[in-house]
Amino acid sequence: MATFRDLLTQTKAQIREIDPAEADVRRDTDPDTVFLDVREPDEFEQGAIPGAVFIPRGHLEAQVESRIPHRDTPIVVFCAGGVRSAFAAKTLGELGYTDVVSMTGGFNQWKDQGRQWSAPRTLNAEQRNRYQRHLLLPEVGEEGQLKLLDAKVLLLGAGGLGAPSALYLAAAGVGTIGVIDMDVVDESNLQRQIIHNIDRVGMRKVDSAKETITKLNPDVRVVTHDTRLGADNVVELLGQYDLVVDGADNFPSRYLLNDASLKTGTPVVHGSIFRFEGQATVFLPHDGPCYRCFLPEPPPPELAPSCAEAGVLGVLPGIVGSVQALEAIKLILGLGDSLSGRLLAYDSLEQSFMTYKIRRDPNCPACSIDPDDIVIAEYDQYCQPHPVPVTA
C-alpha cells in the first residue's frame, strides 16, 4: 500500500518544478505567466505574491477553468512549502493545462529569500458572510467582490428605474452609489418607486434613497446630489464615477448625458419605460453606438409623454431597473456580453423580450468627433415643458 511519501514522490516525478529564483525571473520577464496560489484563505491573508490568482486547493478543479480559461497559459503554482502545489500541478496537467510548474519551497521560501510579497486586501468576516453567494461564484469570488466594493456608480434619478437599480447595486456591495435627483417624494411615486415609503412623503428623494440604502448595506457610501443635471455640472459629476445608470425619462437629460459620457469616457447603462413596455441598452463611449446613433433626433413632445402623462404599470420599472443593475455589475466585473450595440425590448403584456441591433453611425454628430470638440450644452428646447431631470 502506497504511503503519502510514495504518492508525493510519484507526483513529483510526473511534474516540472522550479525554485523561487527561477519563478521570480519568469515573473519579471514573462508577463503572460500566471502565479497560482493554492493555499488556504487564512494563509493567503497573511501575505501573498502580488498579482497571484488565489484558488484554495480544495476548489481548484471547480474554479480554475473560469479563472484561467486558456489551457496554454504558463502557470507557476505554489503553496506554503511545495507539497500541495505539486499535487495541484499534476491535477492541472490532467485538466489539459500544458505549461505548468510547481514552485519548490513555496511561499515560505519565497518570503525568506526577501522576494516581493504583500498582505493582500481581503474581506472581513462580516463581508464574507454577507456576500457568501457571490463568493461561491468562481466568476465573481473575493476578487470580484472587492471590485464591486471599489466601484462608483451614479444613478441619474431616484425614481422608478433608479429605485430597483439602487437596491440591487447596494445589496451586491457596490461601494459608492451617487444619487442625483432634485425632487421630493410624493404619494403618487410609491406605486413603483420602491426605495421610498409613506413616512417619507415630502422628503428629498436623494435623502430618502440614502436612508434606505444605508439600512440595507452599511458597506455602501451614498453620495447625494440634490440638484438639477445641467451643462454646468454634468462633466464634473460623471468624472467622479465609473459608470452611470440612466433613469431619466426626458430627452434633454439623455442627450446631455450622452455628450458628457463621450467627453469623460463614462459608460452609461440606459433604461426607459412607457406604459407596459421597457427598454435597456448600454452605451460604451467610442466603443459602440451612442445614444445619438440610437436616436439621432428626439420625437416631438406630443409623441413622448412622461409617465406622469401616459402612466406606467408599477412593476415594469422594477424589471427594467433590475436589468440595468445587472448590466452595471457585469461592466464592473467584466463578465459576459454587455448590451452595447443591442437594445433589449420588453413587453409586459406579451411577457416577451426582443433584442435589436443598434449600429454605430460613422457620421454621428456626437461620437464621430474628437471628445475634446464636444460642446456640452443644454437641450431644454426638447420636450418642454418637462423640467430636467424627470425620473420615471
Protein backbone atom coordinates (compact mmCIF):
# COMPACT_ATOMS: atom_id res chain seq x y z
CA MET A 1 0.00 0.00 0.00
CA ALA A 2 1.41 3.38 -1.02
CA THR A 3 2.19 5.94 1.66
CA PHE A 4 1.80 9.70 1.41
CA ARG A 5 5.52 9.98 0.78
CA ASP A 6 5.23 7.47 -2.05
CA LEU A 7 2.37 9.45 -3.63
CA LEU A 8 4.33 12.67 -3.35
CA THR A 9 7.41 11.12 -4.91
CA GLN A 10 5.34 9.70 -7.77
CA THR A 11 3.60 13.03 -8.29
CA LYS A 12 6.85 15.00 -8.38
CA ALA A 13 8.18 12.58 -10.96
CA GLN A 14 5.26 13.48 -13.23
CA ILE A 15 5.50 17.27 -12.99
CA ARG A 16 8.04 20.03 -13.53
CA GLU A 17 9.40 22.08 -10.63
CA ILE A 18 11.32 25.34 -10.40
CA ASP A 19 12.78 27.16 -7.42
CA PRO A 20 11.71 30.65 -6.26
CA ALA A 21 14.65 32.32 -8.00
CA GLU A 22 13.64 30.96 -11.41
CA ALA A 23 9.99 31.72 -10.69
CA ASP A 24 10.92 35.31 -9.86
CA VAL A 25 12.77 35.63 -13.17
CA ARG A 26 9.70 34.37 -15.01
CA ARG A 27 7.57 36.90 -13.17
CA ASP A 28 9.78 39.71 -14.43
CA THR A 29 10.41 38.51 -17.97
CA ASP A 30 7.16 36.79 -18.99
CA PRO A 31 4.06 38.92 -18.27
CA ASP A 32 1.80 36.11 -19.52
CA THR A 33 2.84 33.82 -16.67
CA VAL A 34 0.14 33.35 -14.04
CA PHE A 35 1.17 32.70 -10.44
CA LEU A 36 -1.46 30.44 -8.87
CA ASP A 37 -1.72 30.39 -5.08
CA VAL A 38 -3.41 27.20 -3.78
CA ARG A 39 -3.05 27.86 -0.05
CA GLU A 40 -5.94 28.26 2.37
CA PRO A 41 -7.65 31.65 2.93
CA ASP A 42 -6.04 32.22 6.34
CA GLU A 43 -2.58 31.67 4.81
CA PHE A 44 -3.33 33.96 1.89
CA GLU A 45 -4.43 36.74 4.25
CA GLN A 46 -1.03 36.68 5.96
CA GLY A 47 0.78 37.53 2.73
CA ALA A 48 0.93 36.66 -0.96
CA ILE A 49 2.85 37.22 -4.16
CA PRO A 50 1.40 40.39 -5.75
CA GLY A 51 -0.89 39.67 -8.68
CA ALA A 52 -1.24 35.96 -7.92
CA VAL A 53 -4.52 34.21 -8.69
CA PHE A 54 -5.84 32.72 -5.47
CA ILE A 55 -7.76 29.43 -5.59
CA PRO A 56 -7.66 27.23 -2.47
CA ARG A 57 -6.55 23.69 -3.30
CA GLY A 58 -9.95 22.28 -2.37
CA HIS A 59 -11.66 24.44 -5.00
CA LEU A 60 -9.07 24.11 -7.76
CA GLU A 61 -10.88 21.68 -10.04
CA ALA A 62 -14.16 23.58 -9.80
CA GLN A 63 -12.79 27.09 -10.29
CA VAL A 64 -9.62 27.05 -12.35
CA GLU A 65 -11.30 26.85 -15.75
CA SER A 66 -13.20 30.09 -15.14
CA ARG A 67 -10.23 31.88 -13.57
CA ILE A 68 -7.59 30.67 -16.06
CA PRO A 69 -9.58 29.81 -19.20
CA HIS A 70 -6.74 29.24 -21.68
CA ARG A 71 -5.07 25.85 -21.34
CA ASP A 72 -1.77 27.08 -22.82
CA THR A 73 -1.29 29.81 -20.18
CA PRO A 74 2.09 29.48 -18.43
CA ILE A 75 1.33 28.76 -14.75
CA VAL A 76 3.58 28.75 -11.69
CA VAL A 77 1.58 27.11 -8.92
CA PHE A 78 2.67 27.47 -5.32
CA CYS A 79 1.57 26.72 -1.77
CA ALA A 80 3.32 27.23 1.57
CA GLY A 81 6.10 24.68 1.11
CA GLY A 82 5.73 22.96 -2.26
CA VAL A 83 3.67 19.88 -1.40
CA ARG A 84 0.12 20.97 -2.22
CA SER A 85 1.39 22.78 -5.29
CA ALA A 86 2.91 19.55 -6.59
CA PHE A 87 -0.43 17.76 -6.40
CA ALA A 88 -2.14 20.82 -7.86
CA ALA A 89 0.29 20.89 -10.80
CA LYS A 90 -0.50 17.24 -11.54
CA THR A 91 -4.22 17.98 -11.43
CA LEU A 92 -3.82 20.94 -13.80
CA GLY A 93 -1.99 18.70 -16.24
CA GLU A 94 -4.83 16.19 -16.09
CA LEU A 95 -7.24 19.06 -16.83
CA GLY A 96 -5.33 19.85 -20.01
CA TYR A 97 -3.08 22.72 -18.94
CA THR A 98 0.12 22.33 -20.91
CA ASP A 99 2.63 24.69 -19.29
CA VAL A 100 2.50 24.19 -15.52
CA VAL A 101 5.32 24.16 -12.98
CA SER A 102 5.28 23.82 -9.19
CA MET A 103 7.45 26.17 -7.12
CA THR A 104 9.62 24.25 -4.66
CA GLY A 105 9.83 25.71 -1.19
CA GLY A 106 6.58 27.56 -1.77
CA PHE A 107 5.69 30.99 -0.46
CA ASN A 108 7.64 30.43 2.76
CA GLN A 109 10.93 30.14 0.89
CA TRP A 110 9.95 32.98 -1.45
CA LYS A 111 9.40 35.24 1.56
CA ASP A 112 12.51 34.04 3.43
CA GLN A 113 14.64 34.94 0.41
CA GLY A 114 13.40 38.54 0.56
CA ARG A 115 11.38 38.43 -2.65
CA GLN A 116 8.44 40.76 -3.23
CA TRP A 117 5.28 39.99 -1.31
CA SER A 118 2.45 41.91 0.30
CA ALA A 119 -0.50 41.43 2.61
CA PRO A 120 -3.46 41.28 0.22
CA ARG A 121 -6.66 43.17 0.80
CA THR A 122 -9.38 40.74 1.84
CA LEU A 123 -12.98 40.75 3.00
CA ASN A 124 -13.66 40.75 6.72
CA ALA A 125 -15.74 38.04 8.39
CA GLU A 126 -18.97 40.02 8.19
CA GLN A 127 -18.44 40.70 4.49
CA ARG A 128 -17.65 37.06 3.78
CA ASN A 129 -20.98 36.13 5.33
CA ARG A 130 -22.93 38.92 3.59
CA TYR A 131 -21.54 38.20 0.12
CA GLN A 132 -21.26 34.44 0.52
CA ARG A 133 -23.37 33.66 -2.54
CA HIS A 134 -21.13 35.88 -4.67
CA LEU A 135 -18.03 34.20 -3.28
CA LEU A 136 -19.38 30.82 -4.36
CA LEU A 137 -19.41 32.01 -7.97
CA PRO A 138 -15.95 31.41 -9.50
CA GLU A 139 -16.63 34.26 -11.93
CA VAL A 140 -17.01 36.67 -9.00
CA GLY A 141 -15.23 35.33 -5.94
CA GLU A 142 -13.40 37.54 -3.46
CA GLU A 143 -11.53 39.40 -6.19
CA GLY A 144 -14.78 40.34 -7.92
CA GLN A 145 -16.44 41.34 -4.67
CA LEU A 146 -13.57 43.67 -3.92
CA LYS A 147 -14.04 45.20 -7.38
CA LEU A 148 -17.69 45.83 -6.54
CA LEU A 149 -16.76 47.43 -3.24
CA ASP A 150 -14.30 49.69 -5.06
CA ALA A 151 -16.79 50.67 -7.77
CA LYS A 152 -18.51 54.05 -8.01
CA VAL A 153 -21.88 54.20 -9.76
CA LEU A 154 -24.00 57.31 -10.38
CA LEU A 155 -27.78 56.89 -10.51
CA LEU A 156 -29.50 59.51 -12.65
CA GLY A 157 -32.77 59.69 -10.76
CA ALA A 158 -34.16 58.09 -7.60
CA GLY A 159 -37.44 57.22 -9.32
CA GLY A 160 -38.95 54.13 -10.87
CA LEU A 161 -35.77 52.91 -12.59
CA GLY A 162 -33.32 54.28 -10.07
CA ALA A 163 -35.09 52.65 -7.13
CA PRO A 164 -34.64 48.96 -8.05
CA SER A 165 -31.22 49.66 -9.56
CA ALA A 166 -30.09 51.29 -6.32
CA LEU A 167 -31.39 48.48 -4.15
CA TYR A 168 -29.74 45.70 -6.13
CA LEU A 169 -26.47 47.58 -6.59
CA ALA A 170 -26.35 48.27 -2.87
CA ALA A 171 -27.21 44.68 -1.99
CA ALA A 172 -24.46 43.49 -4.33
CA GLY A 173 -21.95 45.64 -2.48
CA VAL A 174 -21.21 48.43 -4.93
CA GLY A 175 -19.12 50.58 -2.63
CA THR A 176 -20.11 54.08 -3.71
CA ILE A 177 -23.52 54.99 -5.10
CA GLY A 178 -24.22 58.55 -6.14
CA VAL A 179 -27.84 59.65 -6.49
CA ILE A 180 -28.83 62.79 -8.41
CA ASP A 181 -32.41 63.98 -8.17
CA MET A 182 -33.99 67.35 -7.37
CA ASP A 183 -37.47 66.10 -6.50
CA VAL A 184 -39.34 65.23 -3.30
CA VAL A 185 -41.23 62.05 -2.50
CA ASP A 186 -44.91 62.18 -3.46
CA GLU A 187 -47.60 59.62 -2.70
CA SER A 188 -48.01 59.00 -6.43
CA ASN A 189 -44.38 57.78 -6.53
CA LEU A 190 -44.98 54.90 -4.15
CA GLN A 191 -46.78 52.77 -6.75
CA ARG A 192 -43.42 51.99 -8.36
CA GLN A 193 -40.53 53.84 -6.63
CA ILE A 194 -39.89 51.15 -4.04
CA ILE A 195 -36.91 52.85 -2.42
CA HIS A 196 -39.30 55.33 -0.74
CA ASN A 197 -42.20 54.80 1.70
CA ILE A 198 -45.24 56.59 3.09
CA ASP A 199 -43.31 58.03 6.04
CA ARG A 200 -41.04 59.92 3.66
CA VAL A 201 -43.64 61.80 1.64
CA GLY A 202 -42.30 65.32 1.30
CA MET A 203 -38.69 64.25 1.95
CA ARG A 204 -36.00 64.96 -0.64
CA LYS A 205 -35.72 61.86 -2.81
CA VAL A 206 -31.94 61.72 -2.52
CA ASP A 207 -32.19 61.69 1.27
CA SER A 208 -34.89 59.02 1.24
CA ALA A 209 -32.80 56.87 -1.10
CA LYS A 210 -29.73 57.29 1.10
CA GLU A 211 -31.64 56.22 4.20
CA THR A 212 -32.93 53.05 2.52
CA ILE A 213 -29.57 52.09 1.01
CA THR A 214 -27.67 52.68 4.24
CA LYS A 215 -30.08 50.46 6.17
CA LEU A 216 -29.77 47.76 3.51
CA ASN A 217 -25.97 47.68 3.38
CA PRO A 218 -23.69 49.75 5.64
CA ASP A 219 -20.74 48.91 3.34
CA VAL A 220 -22.17 51.34 0.78
CA ARG A 221 -21.26 55.02 0.79
CA VAL A 222 -24.12 57.08 -0.61
CA VAL A 223 -23.35 60.47 -2.16
CA THR A 224 -26.40 62.68 -2.67
CA HIS A 225 -26.63 65.29 -5.42
CA ASP A 226 -29.82 67.24 -4.73
CA THR A 227 -29.51 69.34 -7.85
CA ARG A 228 -30.57 69.76 -11.43
CA LEU A 229 -28.48 67.93 -14.00
CA GLY A 230 -27.18 70.60 -16.34
CA ALA A 231 -24.40 71.60 -18.68
CA ASP A 232 -22.70 73.34 -15.78
CA ASN A 233 -22.25 70.20 -13.65
CA VAL A 234 -22.66 67.06 -15.77
CA VAL A 235 -18.99 66.66 -16.74
CA GLU A 236 -17.80 67.16 -13.17
CA LEU A 237 -20.38 64.69 -11.87
CA LEU A 238 -19.51 61.96 -14.36
CA GLY A 239 -15.82 62.41 -13.65
CA GLN A 240 -16.42 61.17 -10.10
CA TYR A 241 -17.91 57.81 -11.13
CA ASP A 242 -17.04 54.65 -13.07
CA LEU A 243 -20.41 54.40 -14.83
CA VAL A 244 -23.91 55.88 -14.89
CA VAL A 245 -27.26 54.15 -14.57
CA ASP A 246 -29.64 56.38 -16.52
CA GLY A 247 -33.12 56.53 -15.02
CA ALA A 248 -34.28 59.80 -16.61
CA ASP A 249 -37.42 59.87 -18.74
CA ASN A 250 -36.82 63.03 -20.76
CA PHE A 251 -34.73 63.72 -23.81
CA PRO A 252 -32.83 66.80 -22.58
CA SER A 253 -31.24 64.72 -19.81
CA ARG A 254 -30.45 61.82 -22.12
CA TYR A 255 -28.77 63.92 -24.81
CA LEU A 256 -26.86 65.91 -22.21
CA LEU A 257 -25.74 62.71 -20.51
CA ASN A 258 -24.69 61.21 -23.84
CA ASP A 259 -22.47 64.17 -24.72
CA ALA A 260 -20.86 64.24 -21.29
CA SER A 261 -20.26 60.48 -21.25
CA LEU A 262 -18.45 60.71 -24.58
CA LYS A 263 -16.33 63.54 -23.24
CA THR A 264 -15.42 61.79 -19.99
CA GLY A 265 -15.38 58.20 -21.29
CA THR A 266 -18.01 57.12 -18.75
CA PRO A 267 -20.21 54.13 -19.72
CA VAL A 268 -23.98 54.62 -19.49
CA VAL A 269 -26.49 51.88 -18.70
CA HIS A 270 -29.66 53.21 -20.30
CA GLY A 271 -33.23 52.29 -19.43
CA SER A 272 -36.62 53.64 -20.39
CA ILE A 273 -40.24 52.72 -19.72
CA PHE A 274 -43.60 53.60 -21.24
CA ARG A 275 -46.97 52.27 -20.10
CA PHE A 276 -46.44 48.48 -20.39
CA GLU A 277 -43.12 48.42 -22.26
CA GLY A 278 -39.49 48.93 -21.36
CA GLN A 279 -36.09 49.08 -22.99
CA ALA A 280 -32.49 48.76 -21.87
CA THR A 281 -29.10 49.06 -23.52
CA VAL A 282 -25.50 50.03 -22.73
CA PHE A 283 -23.54 52.86 -24.31
CA LEU A 284 -19.77 52.39 -24.16
CA PRO A 285 -18.14 55.65 -25.23
CA HIS A 286 -16.38 55.29 -28.59
CA ASP A 287 -16.67 51.50 -28.38
CA GLY A 288 -20.08 51.03 -29.92
CA PRO A 289 -23.10 53.18 -30.74
CA CYS A 290 -24.03 56.14 -28.58
CA TYR A 291 -27.48 57.49 -27.74
CA ARG A 292 -27.45 59.76 -30.80
CA CYS A 293 -26.70 56.77 -33.04
CA PHE A 294 -29.74 55.11 -31.49
CA LEU A 295 -31.99 58.18 -31.64
CA PRO A 296 -30.49 60.99 -33.76
CA GLU A 297 -33.39 63.38 -33.12
CA PRO A 298 -35.96 63.40 -30.31
CA PRO A 299 -39.61 62.93 -31.24
CA PRO A 300 -41.94 65.88 -30.83
CA PRO A 301 -43.17 66.42 -27.25
CA GLU A 302 -46.69 65.24 -28.02
CA LEU A 303 -45.31 61.84 -29.06
CA ALA A 304 -43.08 61.48 -26.00
CA PRO A 305 -45.26 61.93 -22.92
CA SER A 306 -43.78 61.33 -19.49
CA CYS A 307 -45.00 58.68 -17.05
CA ALA A 308 -46.97 61.41 -15.30
CA GLU A 309 -48.91 61.94 -18.52
CA ALA A 310 -49.13 58.45 -20.04
CA GLY A 311 -48.99 56.24 -16.94
CA VAL A 312 -46.85 53.19 -16.25
CA LEU A 313 -47.52 49.75 -14.81
CA GLY A 314 -45.94 49.81 -11.35
CA VAL A 315 -43.91 46.62 -11.61
CA LEU A 316 -42.45 47.47 -15.04
CA PRO A 317 -39.64 49.77 -13.83
CA GLY A 318 -38.66 47.07 -11.34
CA ILE A 319 -37.95 44.70 -14.23
CA VAL A 320 -36.09 47.21 -16.38
CA GLY A 321 -34.23 48.72 -13.43
CA SER A 322 -33.09 45.26 -12.38
CA VAL A 323 -31.75 44.66 -15.88
CA GLN A 324 -29.85 47.94 -15.60
CA ALA A 325 -28.36 46.90 -12.26
CA LEU A 326 -27.29 43.59 -13.77
CA GLU A 327 -25.64 45.31 -16.73
CA ALA A 328 -23.82 47.67 -14.36
CA ILE A 329 -22.49 44.77 -12.30
CA LYS A 330 -21.38 42.95 -15.45
CA LEU A 331 -19.44 46.02 -16.56
CA ILE A 332 -17.76 46.35 -13.16
CA LEU A 333 -16.74 42.70 -13.11
CA GLY A 334 -16.03 42.33 -16.83
CA LEU A 335 -18.49 39.46 -17.09
CA GLY A 336 -20.41 38.19 -20.10
CA ASP A 337 -21.57 40.28 -23.03
CA SER A 338 -22.99 43.71 -22.29
CA LEU A 339 -25.98 45.15 -24.11
CA SER A 340 -23.69 47.53 -26.01
CA GLY A 341 -24.87 47.52 -29.62
CA ARG A 342 -28.10 45.78 -28.65
CA LEU A 343 -31.46 47.06 -27.47
CA LEU A 344 -33.38 44.78 -25.11
CA ALA A 345 -37.11 45.49 -25.52
CA TYR A 346 -39.61 44.12 -23.00
CA ASP A 347 -43.38 43.88 -23.47
CA SER A 348 -45.09 43.10 -20.17
CA LEU A 349 -48.47 42.33 -21.73
CA GLU A 350 -46.99 39.72 -24.04
CA GLN A 351 -44.36 38.77 -21.44
CA SER A 352 -41.76 38.84 -24.18
CA PHE A 353 -38.19 40.05 -24.64
CA MET A 354 -36.81 41.03 -28.03
CA THR A 355 -33.26 42.11 -28.87
CA TYR A 356 -32.48 44.51 -31.69
CA LYS A 357 -29.14 45.54 -33.15
CA ILE A 358 -28.03 49.14 -32.76
CA ARG A 359 -25.33 50.16 -35.19
CA ARG A 360 -22.84 52.95 -34.75
CA ASP A 361 -23.35 55.86 -37.13
CA PRO A 362 -19.98 56.76 -38.70
CA ASN A 363 -21.30 60.29 -39.21
CA CYS A 364 -22.84 60.67 -35.74
CA PRO A 365 -22.50 64.32 -34.67
CA ALA A 366 -21.60 63.17 -31.14
CA CYS A 367 -19.42 60.03 -31.18
CA SER A 368 -17.73 60.51 -34.56
CA ILE A 369 -15.83 63.61 -33.44
CA ASP A 370 -12.94 64.08 -31.04
CA PRO A 371 -14.14 64.18 -27.40
CA ASP A 372 -12.35 67.49 -26.93
CA ASP A 373 -14.54 69.00 -29.65
CA ILE A 374 -17.81 68.04 -27.97
CA VAL A 375 -19.64 71.08 -26.67
CA ILE A 376 -21.68 70.50 -23.53
CA ALA A 377 -24.87 72.50 -23.92
CA GLU A 378 -28.41 72.45 -22.62
CA TYR A 379 -31.17 70.73 -24.58
CA ASP A 380 -34.10 72.44 -22.93
CA GLN A 381 -35.68 73.15 -26.31
CA TYR A 382 -36.67 69.47 -26.48
CA CYS A 383 -39.80 68.05 -24.87
CA GLN A 384 -40.81 71.08 -22.89
CA PRO A 385 -42.42 71.81 -20.51
CA HIS A 386 -40.82 68.89 -18.58
CA PRO A 387 -38.10 70.00 -16.15
CA VAL A 388 -34.69 68.34 -16.24
CA PRO A 389 -34.50 65.70 -15.00
CA VAL A 390 -37.87 63.99 -14.72
CA THR A 391 -37.47 60.48 -13.29
CA ALA A 392 -39.74 57.61 -14.14
